[in-house]
C-alpha cells in the first residue's frame, strides 16, 4: 500500500501518522518525489482502513500495490536508488563499468588486468574466485586463494571489487569484498538471499536463465525484506531457442525494469552473447537504452583463459569499448519516471 501525501504536509501530523502505522506492525518507507511524498507500507495492510486515511488532511490518495514485490517497487520508492560502493555511485543517472576476468588465475594476471581496466575507465574490478560450472570436471576457481588475489589486486589498483558467492558457508570469506554477486544459478536460492538480506553489503543480483522480470524482482525482494536495500540488478541474457549466441540478451528488460523498480540496473554483454565481437555493440546499446552500467569480462590473453575465453575481450579492446560508451552517454534514453 502507498499513501500519497499532499505538498508540504504538517510535520506533526505526519509523524503521528507514521507512528500509528508502525503500531499496526507495518514498515514505513519514505519516498520524496519531485511532486509528492509517498509513504510505502510493507506488511499486512488488509486491516488498514483506506477511507480513514484518505480523510486525513495531509493525505492526497491511498493506493494498494497489486504487484507481489513491495520494497523493490517503483510505486513505493519513486526516485532512483543510488548505491555507494567504496565511493563509486551506481544508479540515479550515473554510469559505471565493472571489468575483469571471468576467473582469477594468478596474482600476476589479476593485478595486470586491474591496472589496465582502471586506466581505461572501469570503476569496479570483477573477478571470479568461486566458479559455478555446468560440468563438475571444469575449473571451479581458486576459491579462497583467488579471493585473496582479487583483494590484493584491488588494493594495488585502488578499486572496489565485485565477486560471486555460491553458498552461505562462504560468507565469512567475503568480509573484504565490496559487492557480493549472486549468479544466475542462485537467483532463486532463497536461503542464500535471506542470509544476504542480513548483511550491509551491496548485492549484485543476476537474472536467472529462464526468469521473468517479476521473478527477478521477487528475488530482490527477499534480500530487501531482510533489511538490505542495497541491491543492483543485472541483465545477463536468458535462454531461448536461439543457438547462434550463448544466451539471448534481453535489452528490452532495461526500460521495462526502470518503470517497475527504483533499483540500479546493469547489463552483462559478455555472458549475454558469449561472443567477444558482440560485446561492444551490446555495450553501446545498453548505454543508449538507459542502463546504469556494464559488467564486462576482460582477459589479457583470452585465447589462454581457463574459463570463458571466447567471450572475454583484451584490455586494448576494453579501452575502445569504454571510450565509445562514454561518447554515446549524452544520447541516452532515460525518461524521468514518477
C-alpha atoms as a PDB file:
ATOM      1  CA  UNK A   1       0.000   0.000   0.000  1.00  0.00           C
ATOM      2  CA  UNK A   2       1.179   3.541  -0.677  1.00  0.00           C
ATOM      3  CA  UNK A   3      -0.024   6.781   0.861  1.00  0.00           C
ATOM      4  CA  UNK A   4       0.458   9.850  -1.332  1.00  0.00           C
ATOM      5  CA  UNK A   5       0.786  12.978   0.776  1.00  0.00           C
ATOM      6  CA  UNK A   6      -0.267  16.486  -0.135  1.00  0.00           C
ATOM      7  CA  UNK A   7       2.512  19.023  -0.786  1.00  0.00           C
ATOM      8  CA  UNK A   8       4.162  20.405   2.369  1.00  0.00           C
ATOM      9  CA  UNK A   9       2.335  18.175   4.889  1.00  0.00           C
ATOM     10  CA  UNK A  10       2.149  19.257   8.518  1.00  0.00           C
ATOM     11  CA  UNK A  11       5.122  17.531  10.168  1.00  0.00           C
ATOM     12  CA  UNK A  12       3.388  16.832  13.483  1.00  0.00           C
ATOM     13  CA  UNK A  13       0.511  15.111  11.693  1.00  0.00           C
ATOM     14  CA  UNK A  14       2.945  13.213   9.506  1.00  0.00           C
ATOM     15  CA  UNK A  15       4.935  11.922  12.478  1.00  0.00           C
ATOM     16  CA  UNK A  16       1.716  10.931  14.241  1.00  0.00           C
ATOM     17  CA  UNK A  17       0.566   9.047  11.131  1.00  0.00           C
ATOM     18  CA  UNK A  18       3.866   7.209  10.795  1.00  0.00           C
ATOM     19  CA  UNK A  19       3.823   6.293  14.480  1.00  0.00           C
ATOM     20  CA  UNK A  20       0.301   4.888  14.166  1.00  0.00           C
ATOM     21  CA  UNK A  21       1.243   2.877  11.073  1.00  0.00           C
ATOM     22  CA  UNK A  22       4.255   1.369  12.870  1.00  0.00           C
ATOM     23  CA  UNK A  23       1.942   0.396  15.734  1.00  0.00           C
ATOM     24  CA  UNK A  24      -0.035  -1.621  13.169  1.00  0.00           C
ATOM     25  CA  UNK A  25       3.121  -3.745  12.626  1.00  0.00           C
ATOM     26  CA  UNK A  26       3.787  -2.081   9.272  1.00  0.00           C
ATOM     27  CA  UNK A  27       7.166  -0.951   7.961  1.00  0.00           C
ATOM     28  CA  UNK A  28       7.061   2.589   6.571  1.00  0.00           C
ATOM     29  CA  UNK A  29       9.344   3.679   3.708  1.00  0.00           C
ATOM     30  CA  UNK A  30       9.557   7.394   2.891  1.00  0.00           C
ATOM     31  CA  UNK A  31       9.996   8.346  -0.770  1.00  0.00           C
ATOM     32  CA  UNK A  32      10.430  12.004  -1.666  1.00  0.00           C
ATOM     33  CA  UNK A  33       9.458  12.539  -5.312  1.00  0.00           C
ATOM     34  CA  UNK A  34       9.549  15.666  -7.461  1.00  0.00           C
ATOM     35  CA  UNK A  35       5.854  16.378  -6.944  1.00  0.00           C
ATOM     36  CA  UNK A  36       4.803  14.225  -3.988  1.00  0.00           C
ATOM     37  CA  UNK A  37       5.990  12.497  -0.865  1.00  0.00           C
ATOM     38  CA  UNK A  38       4.938   8.859  -0.723  1.00  0.00           C
ATOM     39  CA  UNK A  39       4.765   6.560   2.284  1.00  0.00           C
ATOM     40  CA  UNK A  40       5.232   2.942   1.256  1.00  0.00           C
ATOM     41  CA  UNK A  41       3.755   0.388   3.649  1.00  0.00           C
ATOM     42  CA  UNK A  42       5.166  -3.129   3.850  1.00  0.00           C
ATOM     43  CA  UNK A  43       3.338  -5.783   5.839  1.00  0.00           C
ATOM     44  CA  UNK A  44      -0.236  -6.991   6.259  1.00  0.00           C
ATOM     45  CA  UNK A  45      -2.324  -3.969   5.232  1.00  0.00           C
ATOM     46  CA  UNK A  46      -5.633  -5.835   4.875  1.00  0.00           C
ATOM     47  CA  UNK A  47      -6.986  -4.371   8.105  1.00  0.00           C
ATOM     48  CA  UNK A  48      -5.966  -0.782   7.280  1.00  0.00           C
ATOM     49  CA  UNK A  49      -8.980   1.462   6.658  1.00  0.00           C
ATOM     50  CA  UNK A  50      -8.117   3.272   3.427  1.00  0.00           C
ATOM     51  CA  UNK A  51     -11.102   5.635   3.676  1.00  0.00           C
ATOM     52  CA  UNK A  52      -9.960   6.757   7.112  1.00  0.00           C
ATOM     53  CA  UNK A  53      -6.526   7.524   5.709  1.00  0.00           C
ATOM     54  CA  UNK A  54      -7.983   9.423   2.737  1.00  0.00           C
ATOM     55  CA  UNK A  55      -9.955  11.586   5.175  1.00  0.00           C
ATOM     56  CA  UNK A  56      -6.780  12.897   6.799  1.00  0.00           C
ATOM     57  CA  UNK A  57      -5.928  16.480   5.859  1.00  0.00           C
ATOM     58  CA  UNK A  58      -2.340  15.654   4.856  1.00  0.00           C
ATOM     59  CA  UNK A  59      -3.276  12.683   2.626  1.00  0.00           C
ATOM     60  CA  UNK A  60      -3.930  13.120  -1.076  1.00  0.00           C
ATOM     61  CA  UNK A  61      -4.551   9.487  -2.042  1.00  0.00           C
ATOM     62  CA  UNK A  62      -4.202   5.882  -0.886  1.00  0.00           C
ATOM     63  CA  UNK A  63      -3.442   3.038  -3.308  1.00  0.00           C
ATOM     64  CA  UNK A  64      -2.969  -0.667  -2.815  1.00  0.00           C
ATOM     65  CA  UNK A  65       0.091  -2.089  -4.591  1.00  0.00           C
ATOM     66  CA  UNK A  66      -1.018  -5.081  -6.634  1.00  0.00           C
ATOM     67  CA  UNK A  67       2.454  -6.364  -7.583  1.00  0.00           C
ATOM     68  CA  UNK A  68       3.878  -9.032  -5.257  1.00  0.00           C
ATOM     69  CA  UNK A  69       7.169  -7.150  -4.860  1.00  0.00           C
ATOM     70  CA  UNK A  70       6.855  -4.206  -2.489  1.00  0.00           C
ATOM     71  CA  UNK A  71      10.263  -2.917  -1.364  1.00  0.00           C
ATOM     72  CA  UNK A  72      11.643  -3.103  -4.908  1.00  0.00           C
ATOM     73  CA  UNK A  73       8.576  -1.452  -6.429  1.00  0.00           C
ATOM     74  CA  UNK A  74       8.911   1.943  -8.115  1.00  0.00           C
ATOM     75  CA  UNK A  75       5.489   2.859  -6.682  1.00  0.00           C
ATOM     76  CA  UNK A  76       6.902   2.544  -3.169  1.00  0.00           C
ATOM     77  CA  UNK A  77      10.097   4.475  -3.939  1.00  0.00           C
ATOM     78  CA  UNK A  78       9.677   6.926  -6.801  1.00  0.00           C
ATOM     79  CA  UNK A  79      13.238   8.204  -7.023  1.00  0.00           C
ATOM     80  CA  UNK A  80      16.122   6.062  -8.301  1.00  0.00           C
ATOM     81  CA  UNK A  81      18.136   4.313  -5.626  1.00  0.00           C
ATOM     82  CA  UNK A  82      21.832   5.229  -5.690  1.00  0.00           C
ATOM     83  CA  UNK A  83      24.226   2.733  -4.130  1.00  0.00           C
ATOM     84  CA  UNK A  84      27.642   3.813  -2.884  1.00  0.00           C
ATOM     85  CA  UNK A  85      30.362   1.213  -3.490  1.00  0.00           C
ATOM     86  CA  UNK A  86      33.553   2.499  -1.931  1.00  0.00           C
ATOM     87  CA  UNK A  87      32.879   5.993  -3.261  1.00  0.00           C
ATOM     88  CA  UNK A  88      31.599   4.750  -6.635  1.00  0.00           C
ATOM     89  CA  UNK A  89      27.944   5.723  -7.140  1.00  0.00           C
ATOM     90  CA  UNK A  90      25.711   3.260  -9.010  1.00  0.00           C
ATOM     91  CA  UNK A  91      22.233   4.370 -10.114  1.00  0.00           C
ATOM     92  CA  UNK A  92      20.416   7.656 -10.489  1.00  0.00           C
ATOM     93  CA  UNK A  93      21.831   8.534 -13.902  1.00  0.00           C
ATOM     94  CA  UNK A  94      25.460   7.597 -13.268  1.00  0.00           C
ATOM     95  CA  UNK A  95      27.156   5.013 -15.484  1.00  0.00           C
ATOM     96  CA  UNK A  96      29.767   2.638 -14.084  1.00  0.00           C
ATOM     97  CA  UNK A  97      31.704  -0.219 -15.667  1.00  0.00           C
ATOM     98  CA  UNK A  98      32.736  -3.361 -13.801  1.00  0.00           C
ATOM     99  CA  UNK A  99      35.517  -5.193 -15.610  1.00  0.00           C
ATOM    100  CA  UNK A 100      37.921  -8.048 -15.087  1.00  0.00           C
ATOM    101  CA  UNK A 101      38.461 -11.730 -15.827  1.00  0.00           C
ATOM    102  CA  UNK A 102      35.821 -14.410 -15.613  1.00  0.00           C
ATOM    103  CA  UNK A 103      38.196 -16.382 -13.442  1.00  0.00           C
ATOM    104  CA  UNK A 104      41.205 -15.385 -11.353  1.00  0.00           C
ATOM    105  CA  UNK A 105      44.168 -17.488 -12.479  1.00  0.00           C
ATOM    106  CA  UNK A 106      47.182 -15.911 -10.750  1.00  0.00           C
ATOM    107  CA  UNK A 107      48.194 -12.810  -8.814  1.00  0.00           C
ATOM    108  CA  UNK A 108      50.114 -11.503 -11.829  1.00  0.00           C
ATOM    109  CA  UNK A 109      47.116 -11.992 -14.130  1.00  0.00           C
ATOM    110  CA  UNK A 110      44.503 -10.260 -11.948  1.00  0.00           C
ATOM    111  CA  UNK A 111      46.862  -7.419 -10.956  1.00  0.00           C
ATOM    112  CA  UNK A 112      47.822  -6.710 -14.573  1.00  0.00           C
ATOM    113  CA  UNK A 113      44.180  -6.651 -15.674  1.00  0.00           C
ATOM    114  CA  UNK A 114      43.145  -4.463 -12.713  1.00  0.00           C
ATOM    115  CA  UNK A 115      45.651  -1.741 -13.634  1.00  0.00           C
ATOM    116  CA  UNK A 116      44.664  -1.912 -17.315  1.00  0.00           C
ATOM    117  CA  UNK A 117      40.886  -1.724 -16.869  1.00  0.00           C
ATOM    118  CA  UNK A 118      41.122   1.108 -14.355  1.00  0.00           C
ATOM    119  CA  UNK A 119      43.278   3.103 -16.754  1.00  0.00           C
ATOM    120  CA  UNK A 120      40.670   2.507 -19.473  1.00  0.00           C
ATOM    121  CA  UNK A 121      37.749   3.747 -17.368  1.00  0.00           C
ATOM    122  CA  UNK A 122      36.464   0.852 -15.265  1.00  0.00           C
ATOM    123  CA  UNK A 123      35.463   1.854 -11.738  1.00  0.00           C
ATOM    124  CA  UNK A 124      34.952  -1.608 -10.169  1.00  0.00           C
ATOM    125  CA  UNK A 125      37.115  -4.713 -10.561  1.00  0.00           C
ATOM    126  CA  UNK A 126      35.358  -8.020 -11.196  1.00  0.00           C
ATOM    127  CA  UNK A 127      36.869 -11.488 -10.939  1.00  0.00           C
ATOM    128  CA  UNK A 128      35.678 -14.988 -10.193  1.00  0.00           C
ATOM    129  CA  UNK A 129      37.168 -16.918  -7.253  1.00  0.00           C
ATOM    130  CA  UNK A 130      34.306 -19.372  -6.673  1.00  0.00           C
ATOM    131  CA  UNK A 131      33.119 -20.577 -10.076  1.00  0.00           C
ATOM    132  CA  UNK A 132      29.780 -22.342 -10.693  1.00  0.00           C
ATOM    133  CA  UNK A 133      30.310 -24.552 -13.735  1.00  0.00           C
ATOM    134  CA  UNK A 134      27.937 -26.774 -15.679  1.00  0.00           C
ATOM    135  CA  UNK A 135      30.479 -29.615 -15.725  1.00  0.00           C
ATOM    136  CA  UNK A 136      31.881 -30.999 -12.441  1.00  0.00           C
ATOM    137  CA  UNK A 137      35.163 -31.556 -14.293  1.00  0.00           C
ATOM    138  CA  UNK A 138      35.597 -27.922 -15.357  1.00  0.00           C
ATOM    139  CA  UNK A 139      37.805 -25.459 -13.474  1.00  0.00           C
ATOM    140  CA  UNK A 140      35.950 -24.399 -10.318  1.00  0.00           C
ATOM    141  CA  UNK A 141      38.070 -21.378  -9.409  1.00  0.00           C
ATOM    142  CA  UNK A 142      40.930 -20.799  -6.965  1.00  0.00           C
ATOM    143  CA  UNK A 143      38.372 -20.194  -4.197  1.00  0.00           C
ATOM    144  CA  UNK A 144      39.797 -18.576  -1.023  1.00  0.00           C
ATOM    145  CA  UNK A 145      43.229 -18.178  -2.596  1.00  0.00           C
ATOM    146  CA  UNK A 146      41.691 -16.470  -5.636  1.00  0.00           C
ATOM    147  CA  UNK A 147      39.677 -14.177  -3.402  1.00  0.00           C
ATOM    148  CA  UNK A 148      42.865 -13.121  -1.646  1.00  0.00           C
ATOM    149  CA  UNK A 149      44.483 -12.379  -5.018  1.00  0.00           C
ATOM    150  CA  UNK A 150      41.476 -10.297  -6.061  1.00  0.00           C
ATOM    151  CA  UNK A 151      41.601  -8.197  -2.888  1.00  0.00           C
ATOM    152  CA  UNK A 152      45.353  -7.662  -3.308  1.00  0.00           C
ATOM    153  CA  UNK A 153      44.859  -6.518  -6.917  1.00  0.00           C
ATOM    154  CA  UNK A 154      42.035  -4.176  -5.936  1.00  0.00           C
ATOM    155  CA  UNK A 155      44.176  -2.510  -3.294  1.00  0.00           C
ATOM    156  CA  UNK A 156      47.069  -2.115  -5.704  1.00  0.00           C
ATOM    157  CA  UNK A 157      44.814  -0.529  -8.332  1.00  0.00           C
ATOM    158  CA  UNK A 158      42.639   1.416  -5.874  1.00  0.00           C
ATOM    159  CA  UNK A 159      39.318  -0.100  -6.979  1.00  0.00           C
ATOM    160  CA  UNK A 160      36.397  -1.728  -5.159  1.00  0.00           C
ATOM    161  CA  UNK A 161      35.652  -5.332  -6.166  1.00  0.00           C
ATOM    162  CA  UNK A 162      32.673  -7.499  -7.069  1.00  0.00           C
ATOM    163  CA  UNK A 163      32.797 -11.292  -6.987  1.00  0.00           C
ATOM    164  CA  UNK A 164      30.345 -14.175  -6.856  1.00  0.00           C
ATOM    165  CA  UNK A 165      29.227 -16.143  -3.820  1.00  0.00           C
ATOM    166  CA  UNK A 166      27.838 -19.653  -4.272  1.00  0.00           C
ATOM    167  CA  UNK A 167      26.840 -20.759  -0.789  1.00  0.00           C
ATOM    168  CA  UNK A 168      26.002 -19.324   2.637  1.00  0.00           C
ATOM    169  CA  UNK A 169      29.017 -21.105   4.110  1.00  0.00           C
ATOM    170  CA  UNK A 170      31.330 -18.896   2.019  1.00  0.00           C
ATOM    171  CA  UNK A 171      30.052 -15.627   3.527  1.00  0.00           C
ATOM    172  CA  UNK A 172      32.889 -15.288   6.100  1.00  0.00           C
ATOM    173  CA  UNK A 173      35.405 -15.100   3.228  1.00  0.00           C
ATOM    174  CA  UNK A 174      33.618 -12.049   1.769  1.00  0.00           C
ATOM    175  CA  UNK A 175      34.364  -9.624   4.586  1.00  0.00           C
ATOM    176  CA  UNK A 176      36.682  -7.501   2.399  1.00  0.00           C
ATOM    177  CA  UNK A 177      34.545  -7.801  -0.759  1.00  0.00           C
ATOM    178  CA  UNK A 178      32.740  -4.575  -1.697  1.00  0.00           C
ATOM    179  CA  UNK A 179      29.887  -6.062  -3.777  1.00  0.00           C
ATOM    180  CA  UNK A 180      28.668  -9.648  -3.437  1.00  0.00           C
ATOM    181  CA  UNK A 181      27.401 -11.121  -6.699  1.00  0.00           C
ATOM    182  CA  UNK A 182      24.588 -13.665  -6.827  1.00  0.00           C
ATOM    183  CA  UNK A 183      24.833 -15.529 -10.123  1.00  0.00           C
ATOM    184  CA  UNK A 184      22.054 -16.658 -12.437  1.00  0.00           C
ATOM    185  CA  UNK A 185      22.093 -20.185 -10.992  1.00  0.00           C
ATOM    186  CA  UNK A 186      21.494 -18.835  -7.479  1.00  0.00           C
ATOM    187  CA  UNK A 187      18.908 -16.175  -8.286  1.00  0.00           C
ATOM    188  CA  UNK A 188      16.238 -18.280  -6.581  1.00  0.00           C
ATOM    189  CA  UNK A 189      18.423 -19.724  -3.828  1.00  0.00           C
ATOM    190  CA  UNK A 190      16.102 -18.175  -1.270  1.00  0.00           C
ATOM    191  CA  UNK A 191      18.035 -19.263   1.820  1.00  0.00           C
ATOM    192  CA  UNK A 192      21.149 -17.552   0.435  1.00  0.00           C
ATOM    193  CA  UNK A 193      19.136 -14.440  -0.462  1.00  0.00           C
ATOM    194  CA  UNK A 194      17.656 -14.255   3.042  1.00  0.00           C
ATOM    195  CA  UNK A 195      21.123 -14.505   4.582  1.00  0.00           C
ATOM    196  CA  UNK A 196      22.429 -11.754   2.301  1.00  0.00           C
ATOM    197  CA  UNK A 197      19.482  -9.644   3.428  1.00  0.00           C
ATOM    198  CA  UNK A 198      21.073  -9.566   6.885  1.00  0.00           C
ATOM    199  CA  UNK A 199      24.319  -8.082   5.572  1.00  0.00           C
ATOM    200  CA  UNK A 200      25.101  -4.439   4.912  1.00  0.00           C
ATOM    201  CA  UNK A 201      26.962  -5.054   1.644  1.00  0.00           C
ATOM    202  CA  UNK A 202      25.660  -4.183  -1.834  1.00  0.00           C
ATOM    203  CA  UNK A 203      24.352  -7.264  -3.645  1.00  0.00           C
ATOM    204  CA  UNK A 204      24.579  -7.639  -7.428  1.00  0.00           C
ATOM    205  CA  UNK A 205      21.710  -9.937  -8.400  1.00  0.00           C
ATOM    206  CA  UNK A 206      21.860 -11.559 -11.830  1.00  0.00           C
ATOM    207  CA  UNK A 207      18.735 -12.609 -13.687  1.00  0.00           C
ATOM    208  CA  UNK A 208      18.226 -16.383 -13.913  1.00  0.00           C
ATOM    209  CA  UNK A 209      18.388 -18.267 -17.215  1.00  0.00           C
ATOM    210  CA  UNK A 210      14.598 -18.511 -17.539  1.00  0.00           C
ATOM    211  CA  UNK A 211      13.422 -15.929 -15.007  1.00  0.00           C
ATOM    212  CA  UNK A 212      10.736 -13.365 -15.723  1.00  0.00           C
ATOM    213  CA  UNK A 213      11.314  -9.777 -14.622  1.00  0.00           C
ATOM    214  CA  UNK A 214       8.789 -10.232 -11.832  1.00  0.00           C
ATOM    215  CA  UNK A 215      10.689 -13.289 -10.597  1.00  0.00           C
ATOM    216  CA  UNK A 216      13.915 -11.273 -10.660  1.00  0.00           C
ATOM    217  CA  UNK A 217      12.300  -8.549  -8.575  1.00  0.00           C
ATOM    218  CA  UNK A 218      10.842 -11.099  -6.168  1.00  0.00           C
ATOM    219  CA  UNK A 219      14.369 -12.422  -5.598  1.00  0.00           C
ATOM    220  CA  UNK A 220      15.491  -8.849  -4.909  1.00  0.00           C
ATOM    221  CA  UNK A 221      12.561  -8.602  -2.516  1.00  0.00           C
ATOM    222  CA  UNK A 222      13.949 -11.488  -0.462  1.00  0.00           C
ATOM    223  CA  UNK A 223      17.152  -9.516   0.105  1.00  0.00           C
ATOM    224  CA  UNK A 224      15.391  -6.225   0.777  1.00  0.00           C
ATOM    225  CA  UNK A 225      12.801  -7.759   3.109  1.00  0.00           C
ATOM    226  CA  UNK A 226      15.711  -8.886   5.267  1.00  0.00           C
ATOM    227  CA  UNK A 227      16.795  -5.269   5.709  1.00  0.00           C
ATOM    228  CA  UNK A 228      19.423  -4.887   2.985  1.00  0.00           C
ATOM    229  CA  UNK A 229      18.150  -2.429   0.385  1.00  0.00           C
ATOM    230  CA  UNK A 230      21.485  -2.198  -1.494  1.00  0.00           C
ATOM    231  CA  UNK A 231      20.536  -4.341  -4.485  1.00  0.00           C
ATOM    232  CA  UNK A 232      21.843  -3.936  -8.037  1.00  0.00           C
ATOM    233  CA  UNK A 233      20.044  -5.858 -10.788  1.00  0.00           C
ATOM    234  CA  UNK A 234      21.917  -7.390 -13.715  1.00  0.00           C
ATOM    235  CA  UNK A 235      20.505  -8.471 -17.080  1.00  0.00           C
ATOM    236  CA  UNK A 236      22.865 -11.166 -18.352  1.00  0.00           C
ATOM    237  CA  UNK A 237      20.858 -12.880 -21.054  1.00  0.00           C
ATOM    238  CA  UNK A 238      18.169 -15.545 -20.950  1.00  0.00           C
ATOM    239  CA  UNK A 239      17.871 -18.980 -22.518  1.00  0.00           C
ATOM    240  CA  UNK A 240      15.777 -19.104 -25.699  1.00  0.00           C
ATOM    241  CA  UNK A 241      15.500 -21.357 -28.762  1.00  0.00           C
ATOM    242  CA  UNK A 242      18.324 -19.387 -30.438  1.00  0.00           C
ATOM    243  CA  UNK A 243      21.670 -21.173 -30.633  1.00  0.00           C
ATOM    244  CA  UNK A 244      23.735 -18.570 -32.507  1.00  0.00           C
ATOM    245  CA  UNK A 245      24.673 -16.893 -29.219  1.00  0.00           C
ATOM    246  CA  UNK A 246      25.311 -18.302 -25.762  1.00  0.00           C
ATOM    247  CA  UNK A 247      22.204 -16.526 -24.429  1.00  0.00           C
ATOM    248  CA  UNK A 248      19.706 -14.020 -25.774  1.00  0.00           C
ATOM    249  CA  UNK A 249      20.484 -10.618 -24.276  1.00  0.00           C
ATOM    250  CA  UNK A 250      17.097  -9.161 -23.352  1.00  0.00           C
ATOM    251  CA  UNK A 251      17.745  -5.446 -23.705  1.00  0.00           C
ATOM    252  CA  UNK A 252      14.017  -4.690 -23.571  1.00  0.00           C
ATOM    253  CA  UNK A 253      14.276  -5.597 -19.880  1.00  0.00           C
ATOM    254  CA  UNK A 254      16.156  -2.379 -19.119  1.00  0.00           C
ATOM    255  CA  UNK A 255      13.440   0.216 -19.898  1.00  0.00           C
ATOM    256  CA  UNK A 256      10.807  -2.161 -18.521  1.00  0.00           C
ATOM    257  CA  UNK A 257      12.652  -2.612 -15.236  1.00  0.00           C
ATOM    258  CA  UNK A 258      13.175   1.137 -14.931  1.00  0.00           C
ATOM    259  CA  UNK A 259       9.403   1.503 -14.810  1.00  0.00           C
ATOM    260  CA  UNK A 260       8.945  -1.417 -12.439  1.00  0.00           C
ATOM    261  CA  UNK A 261      11.687  -0.686  -9.900  1.00  0.00           C
ATOM    262  CA  UNK A 262      13.876   2.024  -8.427  1.00  0.00           C
ATOM    263  CA  UNK A 263      16.905  -0.268  -8.171  1.00  0.00           C
ATOM    264  CA  UNK A 264      20.005   0.252 -10.364  1.00  0.00           C
ATOM    265  CA  UNK A 265      20.191  -1.967 -13.464  1.00  0.00           C
ATOM    266  CA  UNK A 266      23.389  -3.025 -15.223  1.00  0.00           C
ATOM    267  CA  UNK A 267      23.988  -5.244 -18.262  1.00  0.00           C
ATOM    268  CA  UNK A 268      26.473  -8.092 -18.796  1.00  0.00           C
ATOM    269  CA  UNK A 269      27.055  -8.287 -22.584  1.00  0.00           C
ATOM    270  CA  UNK A 270      29.775 -10.911 -22.144  1.00  0.00           C
ATOM    271  CA  UNK A 271      27.512 -13.639 -20.759  1.00  0.00           C
ATOM    272  CA  UNK A 272      24.586 -12.176 -22.663  1.00  0.00           C
ATOM    273  CA  UNK A 273      26.107 -13.131 -26.011  1.00  0.00           C
ATOM    274  CA  UNK A 274      29.093 -15.376 -25.281  1.00  0.00           C
ATOM    275  CA  UNK A 275      30.881 -13.884 -28.311  1.00  0.00           C
ATOM    276  CA  UNK A 276      33.604 -11.276 -27.811  1.00  0.00           C
ATOM    277  CA  UNK A 277      32.866  -9.466 -31.091  1.00  0.00           C
ATOM    278  CA  UNK A 278      29.330  -8.748 -29.864  1.00  0.00           C
ATOM    279  CA  UNK A 279      30.405  -7.206 -26.560  1.00  0.00           C
ATOM    280  CA  UNK A 280      30.996  -3.723 -27.987  1.00  0.00           C
ATOM    281  CA  UNK A 281      27.697  -3.309 -29.910  1.00  0.00           C
ATOM    282  CA  UNK A 282      25.688  -4.728 -26.994  1.00  0.00           C
ATOM    283  CA  UNK A 283      27.541  -2.495 -24.537  1.00  0.00           C
ATOM    284  CA  UNK A 284      26.726   0.565 -26.650  1.00  0.00           C
ATOM    285  CA  UNK A 285      23.091  -0.467 -26.962  1.00  0.00           C
ATOM    286  CA  UNK A 286      22.879  -0.987 -23.187  1.00  0.00           C
ATOM    287  CA  UNK A 287      24.211   2.514 -22.551  1.00  0.00           C
ATOM    288  CA  UNK A 288      21.827   4.099 -25.054  1.00  0.00           C
ATOM    289  CA  UNK A 289      18.685   2.474 -23.619  1.00  0.00           C
ATOM    290  CA  UNK A 290      19.349   3.711 -20.094  1.00  0.00           C
ATOM    291  CA  UNK A 291      21.295   1.041 -18.195  1.00  0.00           C
ATOM    292  CA  UNK A 292      23.196   2.209 -15.111  1.00  0.00           C
ATOM    293  CA  UNK A 293      26.346   0.339 -16.035  1.00  0.00           C
ATOM    294  CA  UNK A 294      28.065  -2.679 -17.533  1.00  0.00           C
ATOM    295  CA  UNK A 295      29.839  -5.819 -16.375  1.00  0.00           C
ATOM    296  CA  UNK A 296      32.464  -6.857 -18.923  1.00  0.00           C
ATOM    297  CA  UNK A 297      34.846  -9.813 -18.964  1.00  0.00           C
ATOM    298  CA  UNK A 298      38.418  -8.746 -19.739  1.00  0.00           C
ATOM    299  CA  UNK A 299      41.419 -11.072 -20.026  1.00  0.00           C
ATOM    300  CA  UNK A 300      44.991 -10.244 -21.024  1.00  0.00           C
ATOM    301  CA  UNK A 301      45.237 -13.486 -23.022  1.00  0.00           C
ATOM    302  CA  UNK A 302      41.674 -14.635 -23.898  1.00  0.00           C
ATOM    303  CA  UNK A 303      42.942 -17.476 -26.069  1.00  0.00           C
ATOM    304  CA  UNK A 304      44.609 -18.980 -22.967  1.00  0.00           C
ATOM    305  CA  UNK A 305      41.833 -18.224 -20.470  1.00  0.00           C
ATOM    306  CA  UNK A 306      40.893 -21.038 -18.107  1.00  0.00           C
ATOM    307  CA  UNK A 307      37.228 -20.052 -18.337  1.00  0.00           C
ATOM    308  CA  UNK A 308      35.002 -18.328 -20.951  1.00  0.00           C
ATOM    309  CA  UNK A 309      37.829 -17.075 -23.158  1.00  0.00           C
ATOM    310  CA  UNK A 310      35.522 -16.902 -26.184  1.00  0.00           C
ATOM    311  CA  UNK A 311      33.543 -14.049 -24.608  1.00  0.00           C
ATOM    312  CA  UNK A 312      36.444 -12.182 -22.995  1.00  0.00           C
ATOM    313  CA  UNK A 313      37.968  -9.108 -24.613  1.00  0.00           C
ATOM    314  CA  UNK A 314      41.538  -7.838 -24.296  1.00  0.00           C
ATOM    315  CA  UNK A 315      42.407  -4.729 -22.235  1.00  0.00           C
ATOM    316  CA  UNK A 316      43.048  -2.873 -25.507  1.00  0.00           C
ATOM    317  CA  UNK A 317      39.594  -3.736 -26.840  1.00  0.00           C
ATOM    318  CA  UNK A 318      38.069  -2.843 -23.489  1.00  0.00           C
ATOM    319  CA  UNK A 319      39.662   0.606 -23.665  1.00  0.00           C
ATOM    320  CA  UNK A 320      37.978   1.135 -27.043  1.00  0.00           C
ATOM    321  CA  UNK A 321      34.620  -0.110 -25.702  1.00  0.00           C
ATOM    322  CA  UNK A 322      34.808   2.159 -22.647  1.00  0.00           C
ATOM    323  CA  UNK A 323      35.650   5.197 -24.796  1.00  0.00           C
ATOM    324  CA  UNK A 324      32.819   4.539 -27.242  1.00  0.00           C
ATOM    325  CA  UNK A 325      30.371   4.052 -24.378  1.00  0.00           C
ATOM    326  CA  UNK A 326      31.384   7.387 -22.861  1.00  0.00           C
ATOM    327  CA  UNK A 327      30.857   9.016 -26.257  1.00  0.00           C
ATOM    328  CA  UNK A 328      27.226   7.833 -26.520  1.00  0.00           C
ATOM    329  CA  UNK A 329      26.187   8.588 -22.919  1.00  0.00           C
ATOM    330  CA  UNK A 330      24.929  12.107 -23.802  1.00  0.00           C
ATOM    331  CA  UNK A 331      22.365  10.447 -26.093  1.00  0.00           C
ATOM    332  CA  UNK A 332      20.943   8.027 -23.524  1.00  0.00           C
ATOM    333  CA  UNK A 333      17.201   7.389 -23.407  1.00  0.00           C
ATOM    334  CA  UNK A 334      16.437   7.871 -19.712  1.00  0.00           C
ATOM    335  CA  UNK A 335      12.995   9.353 -19.307  1.00  0.00           C
ATOM    336  CA  UNK A 336      12.101  10.782 -15.940  1.00  0.00           C
ATOM    337  CA  UNK A 337       9.806   8.321 -14.173  1.00  0.00           C
ATOM    338  CA  UNK A 338       7.416   9.390 -11.446  1.00  0.00           C
END
